[in-house]
Protein backbone atom coordinates (compact mmCIF):
# COMPACT_ATOMS: atom_id res chain seq x y z
CA MET A 1 -16.12 9.62 -17.54
CA PRO A 2 -13.38 7.78 -15.59
CA ASN A 3 -9.77 8.17 -16.72
CA PHE A 4 -8.85 4.55 -16.09
CA TYR A 5 -10.21 1.08 -16.69
CA ASP A 6 -8.37 0.11 -13.51
CA GLU A 7 -6.51 2.88 -11.69
CA LYS A 8 -4.88 0.49 -9.23
CA LEU A 9 -3.30 -1.48 -12.09
CA GLN A 10 -2.69 1.76 -14.05
CA LEU A 11 -4.65 0.39 -16.99
CA PRO A 12 -6.05 3.06 -19.32
CA LEU A 13 -9.59 3.17 -20.61
CA LEU A 14 -10.08 0.41 -23.20
CA PRO A 15 -6.91 -1.51 -22.28
CA THR A 16 -5.65 -3.86 -24.96
CA SER A 17 -4.70 -7.48 -24.46
CA THR A 18 -4.85 -10.89 -26.13
CA VAL A 19 -6.58 -14.12 -25.21
CA GLY A 20 -3.37 -16.01 -24.47
CA SER A 21 -1.82 -18.27 -27.09
CA PHE A 22 0.58 -17.31 -29.89
CA PRO A 23 2.27 -19.24 -32.71
CA LYS A 24 5.46 -20.99 -31.74
CA PRO A 25 8.58 -20.05 -33.72
CA ASP A 26 9.90 -22.69 -36.12
CA TYR A 27 12.96 -23.41 -34.00
CA LEU A 28 10.72 -24.26 -31.04
CA LYS A 29 8.39 -26.46 -33.10
CA LYS A 30 11.46 -28.37 -34.29
CA ALA A 31 12.81 -28.66 -30.75
CA ARG A 32 9.50 -29.98 -29.41
CA SER A 33 9.55 -32.70 -32.08
CA GLN A 34 13.16 -33.51 -31.24
CA TYR A 35 12.30 -33.77 -27.56
CA ALA A 36 9.41 -36.12 -28.32
CA ARG A 37 11.88 -38.35 -30.18
CA LYS A 38 14.33 -38.06 -27.23
CA GLU A 39 16.92 -36.33 -29.40
CA ILE A 40 17.35 -33.41 -26.98
CA THR A 41 17.04 -33.09 -23.21
CA ARG A 42 14.29 -31.41 -21.20
CA GLU A 43 16.84 -28.74 -20.22
CA GLN A 44 17.67 -27.97 -23.85
CA LEU A 45 13.98 -27.65 -24.70
CA THR A 46 13.34 -25.38 -21.69
CA LYS A 47 16.09 -22.98 -22.78
CA LEU A 48 14.44 -22.63 -26.18
CA GLU A 49 11.01 -22.14 -24.57
CA GLU A 50 12.54 -19.37 -22.45
CA GLN A 51 14.09 -17.80 -25.56
CA ALA A 52 10.72 -17.84 -27.35
CA THR A 53 9.01 -16.32 -24.30
CA ARG A 54 11.58 -13.51 -24.09
CA GLU A 55 11.08 -12.72 -27.76
CA LEU A 56 7.31 -12.72 -27.38
CA MET A 57 7.33 -10.46 -24.33
CA LYS A 58 9.55 -7.90 -26.11
CA TRP A 59 7.30 -8.07 -29.19
CA GLN A 60 4.16 -7.40 -27.12
CA GLU A 61 5.82 -4.41 -25.49
CA GLU A 62 6.77 -3.02 -28.92
CA LEU A 63 3.19 -3.44 -30.13
CA GLY A 64 1.99 -1.34 -27.20
CA LEU A 65 -0.36 -3.87 -25.60
CA ASP A 66 -1.45 -2.97 -22.07
CA VAL A 67 -1.96 -6.43 -20.51
CA LEU A 68 0.50 -9.11 -21.61
CA VAL A 69 0.56 -12.92 -21.69
CA ASP A 70 3.42 -15.41 -21.65
CA GLY A 71 2.23 -16.82 -24.99
CA GLU A 72 2.17 -20.46 -23.79
CA MET A 73 5.43 -21.37 -25.54
CA TYR A 74 5.83 -24.26 -23.08
CA ARG A 75 2.37 -25.76 -23.68
CA GLY A 76 1.01 -28.08 -26.33
CA ASP A 77 -2.73 -28.55 -25.85
CA MET A 78 -4.44 -26.38 -23.22
CA ALA A 79 -6.03 -29.37 -21.49
CA THR A 80 -3.30 -31.96 -21.95
CA TYR A 81 -0.66 -29.63 -20.52
CA PHE A 82 -2.40 -29.57 -17.15
CA ALA A 83 -3.06 -33.32 -17.20
CA GLU A 84 0.62 -34.00 -17.88
CA ASN A 85 1.37 -32.17 -14.64
CA LEU A 86 -1.08 -34.28 -12.61
CA PRO A 87 0.65 -37.66 -12.98
CA ASN A 88 -1.11 -39.32 -10.05
CA GLY A 89 -4.58 -38.50 -11.33
CA CYS A 90 -4.16 -38.46 -15.10
CA LYS A 91 -2.55 -40.26 -17.96
CA ILE A 92 -2.53 -39.22 -21.62
CA SER A 93 -4.38 -41.08 -24.38
CA GLY A 94 -3.16 -41.95 -27.83
CA LEU A 95 -3.99 -39.61 -30.70
CA VAL A 96 -7.67 -38.61 -30.86
CA ARG A 97 -9.19 -36.88 -33.88
CA SER A 98 -10.54 -33.43 -33.09
CA TYR A 99 -11.80 -32.18 -36.46
CA GLY A 100 -10.55 -32.34 -40.04
CA ASN A 101 -6.99 -33.59 -39.92
CA ARG A 102 -6.30 -32.24 -36.43
CA TYR A 103 -5.36 -34.75 -33.74
CA TYR A 104 -4.40 -34.37 -30.13
CA ARG A 105 -3.72 -36.50 -27.08
CA LYS A 106 -6.60 -36.40 -24.64
CA PRO A 107 -6.30 -36.50 -20.83
CA VAL A 108 -7.58 -39.64 -19.12
CA VAL A 109 -8.61 -39.31 -15.46
CA VAL A 110 -7.50 -42.52 -13.75
CA GLY A 111 -7.31 -41.52 -10.06
CA LYS A 112 -8.06 -38.81 -7.54
CA LEU A 113 -7.11 -35.39 -8.87
CA LYS A 114 -4.80 -33.57 -6.48
CA TRP A 115 -2.65 -30.46 -6.81
CA GLU A 116 0.84 -31.30 -5.58
CA LYS A 117 2.94 -28.37 -6.81
CA PRO A 118 2.59 -25.30 -9.05
CA ILE A 119 2.07 -26.00 -12.74
CA THR A 120 2.24 -22.57 -14.39
CA LEU A 121 3.75 -20.44 -11.62
CA ASP A 122 7.41 -20.50 -12.69
CA TRP A 123 6.49 -19.53 -16.24
CA TRP A 124 4.28 -16.69 -15.04
CA LYS A 125 7.13 -15.41 -12.84
CA PHE A 126 9.57 -15.70 -15.74
CA ALA A 127 7.31 -13.63 -18.00
CA GLN A 128 6.36 -11.07 -15.34
CA ASN A 129 10.01 -10.42 -14.55
CA LEU A 130 10.48 -9.31 -18.18
CA THR A 131 7.99 -6.42 -18.00
CA LYS A 132 6.48 -3.81 -15.70
CA LYS A 133 3.07 -4.33 -17.31
CA PRO A 134 0.68 -6.89 -15.81
CA VAL A 135 0.96 -10.42 -17.17
CA LYS A 136 -2.15 -12.54 -16.92
CA GLY A 137 -2.01 -15.84 -15.12
CA MET A 138 -3.39 -18.33 -17.67
CA LEU A 139 -5.31 -21.42 -16.55
CA THR A 140 -7.70 -23.88 -18.16
CA GLY A 141 -11.00 -24.05 -16.31
CA PRO A 142 -12.37 -27.12 -14.51
CA TYR A 143 -15.43 -27.58 -16.71
CA THR A 144 -13.32 -27.61 -19.89
CA LEU A 145 -10.71 -29.92 -18.37
CA MET A 146 -13.52 -32.31 -17.46
CA ASP A 147 -15.27 -32.07 -20.83
CA TRP A 148 -12.07 -32.61 -22.81
CA SER A 149 -10.96 -35.64 -20.77
CA PHE A 150 -11.88 -39.30 -20.65
CA ASN A 151 -13.07 -40.34 -17.18
CA GLU A 152 -12.13 -43.75 -15.76
CA TYR A 153 -12.35 -42.92 -12.06
CA TYR A 154 -15.09 -40.54 -10.88
CA PRO A 155 -18.80 -41.50 -10.74
CA SER A 156 -20.06 -38.48 -12.70
CA ARG A 157 -19.04 -35.57 -14.92
CA ARG A 158 -19.75 -33.18 -12.05
CA ASP A 159 -17.39 -35.09 -9.76
CA VAL A 160 -14.62 -34.92 -12.36
CA ALA A 161 -15.19 -31.19 -12.78
CA LEU A 162 -15.08 -30.63 -9.01
CA GLY A 163 -11.84 -32.61 -8.86
CA PHE A 164 -10.28 -30.37 -11.48
CA ALA A 165 -11.72 -27.31 -9.70
CA GLU A 166 -9.77 -28.19 -6.56
CA VAL A 167 -6.56 -28.37 -8.61
CA ILE A 168 -7.11 -25.13 -10.53
CA ALA A 169 -8.17 -23.28 -7.38
CA GLN A 170 -4.84 -24.14 -5.73
CA GLU A 171 -2.95 -23.08 -8.85
CA ALA A 172 -4.83 -19.76 -9.00
CA LEU A 173 -4.10 -19.05 -5.34
CA ALA A 174 -0.40 -19.76 -5.93
CA LEU A 175 -0.38 -17.26 -8.79
CA GLU A 176 -2.15 -14.63 -6.70
CA LYS A 177 0.22 -15.15 -3.76
CA ALA A 178 3.15 -14.61 -6.13
CA GLY A 179 1.69 -11.29 -7.30
CA ALA A 180 -0.56 -12.04 -10.25
CA THR A 181 -3.20 -9.29 -10.37
CA ILE A 182 -5.17 -10.72 -13.31
CA ILE A 183 -5.99 -14.42 -13.59
CA GLN A 184 -7.73 -15.86 -16.64
CA ILE A 185 -9.52 -19.20 -16.32
CA ASP A 186 -10.43 -20.34 -19.84
CA GLU A 187 -13.70 -22.22 -20.31
CA PRO A 188 -14.06 -22.73 -24.09
CA ALA A 189 -16.19 -25.85 -23.61
CA VAL A 190 -18.97 -23.95 -21.77
CA SER A 191 -20.55 -22.77 -25.03
CA THR A 192 -21.02 -26.32 -26.36
CA LYS A 193 -23.43 -27.75 -23.76
CA PRO A 194 -25.93 -25.11 -22.57
CA GLU A 195 -27.69 -27.66 -20.38
CA GLU A 196 -24.55 -27.96 -18.23
CA LEU A 197 -24.09 -24.22 -17.67
CA PRO A 198 -25.23 -24.52 -14.01
CA MET A 199 -22.46 -27.07 -13.44
CA ALA A 200 -19.91 -24.80 -15.10
CA ILE A 201 -21.02 -21.93 -12.85
CA GLU A 202 -20.69 -24.12 -9.76
CA VAL A 203 -17.23 -25.50 -10.47
CA LEU A 204 -15.76 -22.19 -11.67
CA GLY A 205 -17.03 -20.71 -8.40
CA GLU A 206 -14.87 -23.21 -6.53
CA VAL A 207 -11.86 -21.73 -8.33
CA THR A 208 -12.62 -18.04 -7.87
CA LYS A 209 -14.31 -17.87 -4.47
CA HIS A 210 -11.14 -17.02 -2.52
CA LEU A 211 -9.40 -14.89 -5.17
CA LYS A 212 -8.92 -11.14 -4.83
CA ALA A 213 -7.23 -10.77 -8.25
CA LYS A 214 -9.24 -9.62 -11.27
CA THR A 215 -10.70 -12.77 -12.85
CA ILE A 216 -11.45 -13.42 -16.52
CA SER A 217 -13.00 -16.37 -18.31
CA HIS A 218 -12.67 -16.82 -22.05
CA MET A 219 -15.21 -18.79 -24.05
CA CYS A 220 -14.92 -19.87 -27.67
CA TYR A 221 -17.46 -19.76 -30.44
CA GLY A 222 -20.97 -21.02 -29.74
CA ASP A 223 -24.63 -20.12 -29.71
CA PHE A 224 -24.47 -17.59 -26.89
CA GLY A 225 -28.15 -16.87 -27.40
CA LEU A 226 -28.84 -20.18 -25.64
CA LEU A 227 -26.61 -19.18 -22.71
CA TYR A 228 -27.50 -15.54 -22.19
CA PRO A 229 -28.31 -14.01 -19.71
CA LYS A 230 -27.60 -17.06 -17.48
CA LEU A 231 -23.99 -16.68 -18.64
CA LEU A 232 -23.70 -13.61 -16.43
CA GLU A 233 -23.79 -15.89 -13.39
CA LEU A 234 -20.31 -17.24 -14.15
CA PRO A 235 -18.36 -16.08 -11.07
CA VAL A 236 -15.67 -13.96 -12.73
CA ASP A 237 -15.18 -10.21 -13.18
CA GLN A 238 -14.86 -10.35 -16.94
CA LEU A 239 -16.22 -12.57 -19.70
CA ASP A 240 -14.00 -12.68 -22.77
CA ILE A 241 -16.32 -13.44 -25.69
CA GLU A 242 -15.91 -13.65 -29.46
CA MET A 243 -17.80 -10.79 -31.04
CA ALA A 244 -16.33 -10.12 -34.49
CA ASN A 245 -16.98 -13.63 -35.85
CA SER A 246 -20.72 -13.21 -35.24
CA ASP A 247 -20.74 -9.61 -36.51
CA TYR A 248 -21.58 -8.25 -33.06
CA GLN A 249 -25.02 -9.89 -33.00
CA LEU A 250 -24.60 -10.41 -29.26
CA LEU A 251 -25.22 -6.72 -28.75
CA ASP A 252 -28.89 -7.40 -29.52
CA PHE A 253 -29.04 -9.76 -26.52
CA PHE A 254 -27.25 -7.17 -24.39
CA ARG A 255 -29.85 -4.55 -25.29
CA LYS A 256 -32.70 -6.82 -24.19
CA ASN A 257 -30.96 -8.05 -21.03
CA PRO A 258 -28.26 -5.59 -19.92
CA TYR A 259 -24.72 -6.89 -19.83
CA THR A 260 -23.47 -6.30 -16.28
CA LYS A 261 -19.88 -7.62 -16.20
CA GLU A 262 -16.64 -6.40 -17.69
CA ILE A 263 -16.12 -7.74 -21.20
CA GLY A 264 -13.12 -8.89 -23.20
CA LEU A 265 -14.32 -7.46 -26.51
CA GLY A 266 -13.19 -9.48 -29.52
CA VAL A 267 -12.60 -7.00 -32.36
CA PHE A 268 -11.25 -9.35 -35.03
CA ASP A 269 -11.80 -12.98 -36.04
CA VAL A 270 -8.66 -15.04 -35.46
CA HIS A 271 -9.80 -17.79 -37.85
CA ASN A 272 -9.51 -15.52 -40.86
CA HIS A 273 -6.21 -14.93 -42.66
CA SER A 274 -7.31 -11.49 -43.88
CA VAL A 275 -6.38 -8.54 -41.70
CA ASP A 276 -9.26 -6.28 -40.70
CA SER A 277 -8.48 -2.59 -41.07
CA LYS A 278 -7.92 -0.19 -38.20
CA ASP A 279 -11.11 1.62 -39.21
CA MET A 280 -13.16 -1.60 -39.07
CA MET A 281 -11.88 -2.39 -35.59
CA ARG A 282 -12.54 1.18 -34.46
CA LYS A 283 -16.13 0.96 -35.70
CA ARG A 284 -16.60 -2.28 -33.74
CA ILE A 285 -15.38 -0.67 -30.53
CA GLU A 286 -17.66 2.30 -31.11
CA GLN A 287 -20.56 -0.07 -31.79
CA ALA A 288 -19.97 -1.85 -28.47
CA LEU A 289 -19.82 1.50 -26.65
CA THR A 290 -23.46 2.13 -27.56
CA VAL A 291 -24.40 -0.75 -25.25
CA ILE A 292 -21.53 -1.34 -22.79
CA PRO A 293 -19.93 1.34 -20.56
CA VAL A 294 -16.37 2.21 -21.56
CA GLU A 295 -15.01 1.37 -18.09
CA LYS A 296 -16.15 -2.25 -18.55
CA ILE A 297 -14.38 -2.96 -21.87
CA MET A 298 -11.00 -4.58 -22.49
CA VAL A 299 -10.13 -4.86 -26.20
CA ASP A 300 -8.68 -8.08 -27.61
CA PRO A 301 -9.00 -10.66 -30.44
CA ASP A 302 -11.89 -13.11 -30.59
CA CYS A 303 -9.69 -16.02 -29.48
CA GLY A 304 -6.10 -17.21 -29.16
CA LEU A 305 -3.70 -16.53 -32.03
CA LYS A 306 -1.70 -19.76 -32.18
CA THR A 307 -3.19 -20.70 -35.58
CA ARG A 308 -1.97 -17.47 -37.22
CA THR A 309 1.53 -16.60 -38.41
CA LEU A 310 3.56 -14.05 -36.47
CA ASP A 311 3.31 -11.63 -39.40
CA GLU A 312 -0.49 -11.95 -39.34
CA CYS A 313 -0.51 -11.44 -35.58
CA THR A 314 1.64 -8.33 -35.95
CA ALA A 315 -0.64 -6.78 -38.56
CA MET A 316 -3.84 -7.65 -36.70
CA LEU A 317 -2.68 -6.43 -33.30
CA THR A 318 -1.06 -3.28 -34.71
CA ASN A 319 -4.43 -2.29 -36.16
CA MET A 320 -6.21 -3.24 -32.93
CA VAL A 321 -3.92 -1.10 -30.77
CA ALA A 322 -4.12 1.85 -33.16
CA ALA A 323 -7.93 1.67 -33.37
CA THR A 324 -8.23 1.50 -29.60
CA LYS A 325 -5.95 4.49 -29.06
CA GLU A 326 -8.01 6.55 -31.50
CA VAL A 327 -11.26 5.78 -29.68
CA ARG A 328 -9.66 6.37 -26.27
CA THR A 329 -8.29 9.75 -27.36
CA GLN A 330 -11.66 10.82 -28.75
CA LEU A 331 -13.49 9.80 -25.58
CA LEU A 332 -11.09 11.64 -23.28
CA ALA A 333 -11.22 14.75 -25.50
CA ARG A 334 -15.01 14.85 -25.09
CA ALA A 335 -14.92 14.34 -21.32
């Protein structure tokens, strides 16, 4: 049995991480509203975003997570944020209903998409300078950016996706050049349209084809039975997939068609206010180990945590880290 998940990055077996987003503190929520009403300056808002990021980085260190994230304190919606930073190719719509009483402003592609300067790089540098542990570069993938946008310029969905792929590829290369060793390209929309999986594979390949960093793609809830095993053709090192929400039913698919990539193993459902016990999470890791080699598993939540309170996040992640350490210790003792 190997002693490391990644010896070069000094990541232990079963490294722990999160998917990316965290709840914003109340003072930052208030400041974002004030900025929208032009009651504070961009500089004042940035200082508070930096404060929230510092607090989050320290908190992750205290929890004992192995791979950290910046928490996206400076972002609103994961698609709109990138569109806001492509002013020559995108504008932002009025409020669009997502589901229930949730609304967001949707990107509108109105011209040729072109990367002009880094979008996330300064925030990644800011976070990475606060820790010696690796911080993931966090990007939204081209298929999802296309699917979650209105198109008023390109002749087809594929053309829009390829346009976004060019942008995200440049952003990923900028992160790698600056030292990012792990780059996550989120594609939550992939699970919603199985018939377009070949397109998603193509455009994500345009992002990752020149990268040497470890690459991850996170996908949200969906009928993965319709996508598997074709899903394995997504050109990334690791697929980060919800597992706890579906009670680990995906393992049945993995037994029939072996899972060949690294996996971001979701061990608790982020859409549930209840906190799963350490023992429950440990059993889920052990269950996955009957199908997936230990050196291919990174342990994390099912999805981002921005809909939970910080107290809930603390309890959930404390149990996750403790459960993982128990399994890791047992495995190394047997080796």
